[in-house]
N, C-alpha and C. Protein backbone atom coordinates (compact mmCIF):
# COMPACT_ATOMS: atom_id res chain seq x y z
N MET A 1 -5.15 12.49 20.88
CA MET A 1 -5.65 10.98 21.10
C MET A 1 -4.68 10.78 22.49
N ILE A 2 -5.12 10.32 23.53
CA ILE A 2 -4.71 10.44 25.17
C ILE A 2 -5.35 8.48 25.09
N VAL A 3 -4.27 8.07 25.61
CA VAL A 3 -4.98 5.99 25.60
C VAL A 3 -4.87 6.81 27.04
N LEU A 4 -6.25 5.24 27.55
CA LEU A 4 -6.18 5.56 28.90
C LEU A 4 -6.69 3.64 28.71
N THR A 5 -5.64 3.09 29.40
CA THR A 5 -5.75 1.87 29.68
C THR A 5 -5.73 1.19 31.15
N ALA A 6 -5.82 -0.10 31.22
CA ALA A 6 -5.43 -0.62 32.08
C ALA A 6 -3.71 -1.63 32.32
N LEU A 7 -4.07 -1.34 31.12
CA LEU A 7 -2.26 -2.58 30.53
C LEU A 7 -1.14 -1.29 30.90
N ASP A 8 -0.66 -2.31 31.49
CA ASP A 8 1.05 -1.01 31.94
C ASP A 8 1.89 -2.03 31.98
N ASP A 9 1.72 -1.05 30.47
CA ASP A 9 2.84 -1.27 29.66
C ASP A 9 4.43 -0.98 29.49
N GLU A 10 5.12 -0.51 28.89
CA GLU A 10 6.18 0.57 28.82
C GLU A 10 6.57 0.72 27.39
N ASN A 11 6.58 -0.63 27.02
CA ASN A 11 6.38 -0.53 25.37
C ASN A 11 5.46 -0.29 24.98
N THR A 12 4.05 -0.31 24.85
CA THR A 12 2.87 -0.25 24.84
C THR A 12 2.49 1.67 24.91
N ALA A 13 2.97 1.57 25.75
CA ALA A 13 2.54 3.68 25.92
C ALA A 13 3.64 3.69 24.89
N LEU A 14 4.83 3.97 24.70
CA LEU A 14 5.61 4.44 24.05
C LEU A 14 5.14 3.81 21.77
N GLY A 15 4.47 2.87 22.06
CA GLY A 15 4.20 2.34 20.31
C GLY A 15 2.98 3.70 20.19
N ALA A 16 2.05 3.29 21.58
CA ALA A 16 0.77 4.39 21.19
C ALA A 16 1.51 5.64 21.11
N VAL A 17 2.39 6.71 22.07
CA VAL A 17 2.94 7.84 21.60
C VAL A 17 3.29 7.81 20.61
N GLN A 18 4.21 7.31 19.91
CA GLN A 18 4.78 7.22 18.73
C GLN A 18 3.89 6.93 17.47
N SER A 19 2.55 6.79 17.39
CA SER A 19 1.93 6.48 16.70
C SER A 19 1.10 7.49 16.28
N GLY A 20 1.25 8.19 17.35
CA GLY A 20 0.43 9.97 17.48
C GLY A 20 -0.63 10.28 18.39
N ALA A 21 -0.61 8.93 19.89
CA ALA A 21 -1.21 9.30 20.91
C ALA A 21 -0.55 10.16 21.57
N GLN A 22 -1.39 11.25 22.36
CA GLN A 22 -0.45 12.46 22.88
C GLN A 22 -0.04 11.63 24.84
N ASP A 23 -0.79 11.09 25.33
CA ASP A 23 0.03 10.42 25.74
C ASP A 23 -0.92 8.86 26.22
N TYR A 24 -0.29 8.85 27.51
CA TYR A 24 -1.11 7.56 27.69
C TYR A 24 -1.21 6.91 29.35
N LEU A 25 -2.43 6.74 29.67
CA LEU A 25 -2.60 6.33 31.25
C LEU A 25 -3.18 5.52 31.67
N VAL A 26 -2.59 4.99 32.37
CA VAL A 26 -2.50 3.72 32.84
C VAL A 26 -4.09 3.94 34.36
N LYS A 27 -5.19 3.34 33.71
CA LYS A 27 -5.88 2.79 35.18
C LYS A 27 -5.57 3.00 36.91
N GLY A 28 -6.72 3.40 37.70
CA GLY A 28 -6.03 3.40 39.16
C GLY A 28 -4.46 3.94 39.00
N GLN A 29 -3.87 4.47 37.86
CA GLN A 29 -3.01 5.00 38.77
C GLN A 29 -2.92 6.62 38.90
N ILE A 30 -3.91 7.32 37.71
CA ILE A 30 -3.99 8.36 37.48
C ILE A 30 -5.53 8.50 38.76
N ASN A 31 -4.90 10.66 38.77
CA ASN A 31 -5.69 11.11 39.17
C ASN A 31 -6.76 12.02 38.78
N THR A 32 -7.93 13.39 39.39
CA THR A 32 -8.24 14.21 38.89
C THR A 32 -7.51 15.33 37.88
N SER A 33 -6.20 15.67 38.94
CA SER A 33 -5.55 16.54 38.49
C SER A 33 -4.93 15.79 37.47
N GLN A 34 -3.64 14.68 37.12
CA GLN A 34 -3.19 14.14 35.93
C GLN A 34 -4.20 14.32 35.68
N LEU A 35 -5.06 13.74 35.14
CA LEU A 35 -6.15 13.72 33.98
C LEU A 35 -6.79 14.99 33.24
N ILE A 36 -6.86 16.16 33.96
CA ILE A 36 -6.52 17.46 33.34
C ILE A 36 -5.52 17.77 32.95
N ARG A 37 -4.58 18.05 33.33
CA ARG A 37 -3.28 18.69 32.87
C ARG A 37 -3.04 17.62 31.41
N SER A 38 -3.00 15.56 31.54
CA SER A 38 -2.56 16.17 30.20
C SER A 38 -3.73 16.27 28.83
N ILE A 39 -4.66 16.11 29.25
CA ILE A 39 -5.89 16.71 28.88
C ILE A 39 -5.31 17.83 27.88
N ARG A 40 -4.74 19.28 28.78
CA ARG A 40 -5.19 20.69 28.87
C ARG A 40 -3.89 20.16 27.48
N TYR A 41 -2.11 19.81 28.36
CA TYR A 41 -1.35 19.17 27.11
C TYR A 41 -1.10 19.83 25.96
N ALA A 42 -2.27 18.52 25.66
CA ALA A 42 -2.45 18.02 24.57
C ALA A 42 -3.50 18.57 23.49
N MET A 43 -4.33 19.29 23.79
CA MET A 43 -5.02 20.48 23.53
C MET A 43 -3.80 21.16 23.15
N GLU A 44 -3.34 22.04 24.18
CA GLU A 44 -2.18 22.79 24.03
C GLU A 44 -0.65 22.34 22.62
N ARG A 45 -0.92 21.21 22.43
CA ARG A 45 0.03 20.32 22.04
C ARG A 45 -0.59 20.45 20.32
N GLN A 46 -2.09 20.07 19.99
CA GLN A 46 -2.24 20.19 19.16
C GLN A 46 -2.39 21.36 18.28
N LYS A 47 -2.97 22.53 18.99
CA LYS A 47 -2.78 23.52 19.05
C LYS A 47 -1.92 24.36 17.76
N LEU A 48 -0.50 24.02 18.99
CA LEU A 48 0.99 23.88 18.29
C LEU A 48 0.95 23.49 17.12
N MET A 49 0.66 22.08 16.95
CA MET A 49 0.94 21.10 14.99
C MET A 49 -0.04 22.24 14.56
N THR A 50 -1.16 22.40 14.42
CA THR A 50 -2.07 23.13 13.54
C THR A 50 -1.02 24.56 13.37
N GLU A 51 -0.55 25.19 13.89
CA GLU A 51 -0.20 26.41 13.59
C GLU A 51 1.17 26.59 13.01
N LEU A 52 1.79 25.08 13.63
CA LEU A 52 3.49 24.67 13.05
C LEU A 52 3.11 24.26 11.35
N GLU A 53 2.12 24.09 10.92
CA GLU A 53 1.62 23.08 9.48
C GLU A 53 1.36 24.29 9.18
N LYS A 54 0.66 25.16 9.78
CA LYS A 54 -0.41 26.39 8.75
C LYS A 54 1.32 27.25 8.41
N ARG A 55 2.29 27.45 9.03
CA ARG A 55 3.19 28.82 8.79
C ARG A 55 3.71 27.79 8.05
N LEU A 56 3.88 26.25 8.10
CA LEU A 56 5.13 24.80 7.22
C LEU A 56 4.62 25.62 5.58
N LYS A 57 2.72 25.84 5.24
CA LYS A 57 2.64 26.09 4.13
C LYS A 57 2.77 26.98 4.10
N GLU A 58 2.83 27.68 4.61
CA GLU A 58 3.01 29.72 4.00
C GLU A 58 4.42 29.91 3.64
N ILE A 59 5.51 29.08 4.33
CA ILE A 59 6.60 28.99 3.58
C ILE A 59 6.67 27.94 2.71
N LYS A 60 5.98 27.11 2.23
CA LYS A 60 6.29 26.67 1.10
C LYS A 60 5.50 27.23 -0.53
N THR A 61 4.68 28.45 0.08
CA THR A 61 3.94 29.03 -0.73
C THR A 61 5.76 30.52 -1.02
N LEU A 62 5.76 30.48 -0.47
CA LEU A 62 6.83 31.87 -0.59
C LEU A 62 8.16 31.06 -1.19
N GLN A 63 8.30 29.29 -0.95
CA GLN A 63 9.38 29.21 -1.94
C GLN A 63 8.81 28.97 -2.96
N GLY A 64 7.91 29.05 -3.49
CA GLY A 64 7.25 29.40 -4.98
C GLY A 64 7.30 29.78 -5.43
N LEU A 65 7.58 31.48 -4.73
CA LEU A 65 7.35 32.70 -5.24
C LEU A 65 8.93 33.16 -5.53
N LEU A 66 10.10 32.49 -4.35
CA LEU A 66 11.20 32.99 -4.99
C LEU A 66 11.84 33.31 -6.12
N PRO A 67 11.32 32.29 -6.34
CA PRO A 67 12.24 32.23 -8.56
C PRO A 67 11.43 32.93 -9.66
N MET A 68 10.50 33.49 -8.85
CA MET A 68 10.09 34.90 -9.76
C MET A 68 10.25 36.15 -9.31
N CYS A 69 10.29 36.01 -8.57
CA CYS A 69 10.83 37.72 -7.62
C CYS A 69 12.00 37.23 -8.15
N ALA A 70 12.76 36.79 -7.82
CA ALA A 70 14.60 36.90 -8.05
C ALA A 70 14.41 37.25 -10.03
N TRP A 71 14.06 36.57 -11.13
CA TRP A 71 13.62 36.50 -12.15
C TRP A 71 13.14 37.68 -12.49
N CYS A 72 12.40 38.27 -11.95
CA CYS A 72 11.76 39.75 -11.98
C CYS A 72 12.84 40.85 -11.60
N GLN A 73 13.22 40.79 -10.75
CA GLN A 73 14.55 41.58 -10.38
C GLN A 73 15.70 41.08 -11.36
N LYS A 74 15.54 40.18 -11.41
CA LYS A 74 17.01 40.48 -13.04
C LYS A 74 17.01 41.02 -14.19
N TYR A 75 15.26 41.36 -14.61
CA TYR A 75 15.24 41.95 -15.98
C TYR A 75 13.83 43.35 -15.23
N SER A 76 14.34 43.78 -14.57
CA SER A 76 13.90 44.96 -14.48
C SER A 76 14.35 46.10 -14.42
């Protein structure tokens, strides 16, 4: 999510980003190339977050298997 607003307030911008926004843009203070860059960066960050979540799930699965593997090795 990218917030586009007429409100130029640093606290509101920080709050929006802390709440999950990828960027906070103020109408009248951005141009086309800045908007495109903001969208591209937000898409890339989302892609990285999705990949990170996937890898964390894999790690949790592997952590669940480790005790079983240790037990198998001990009694083999």
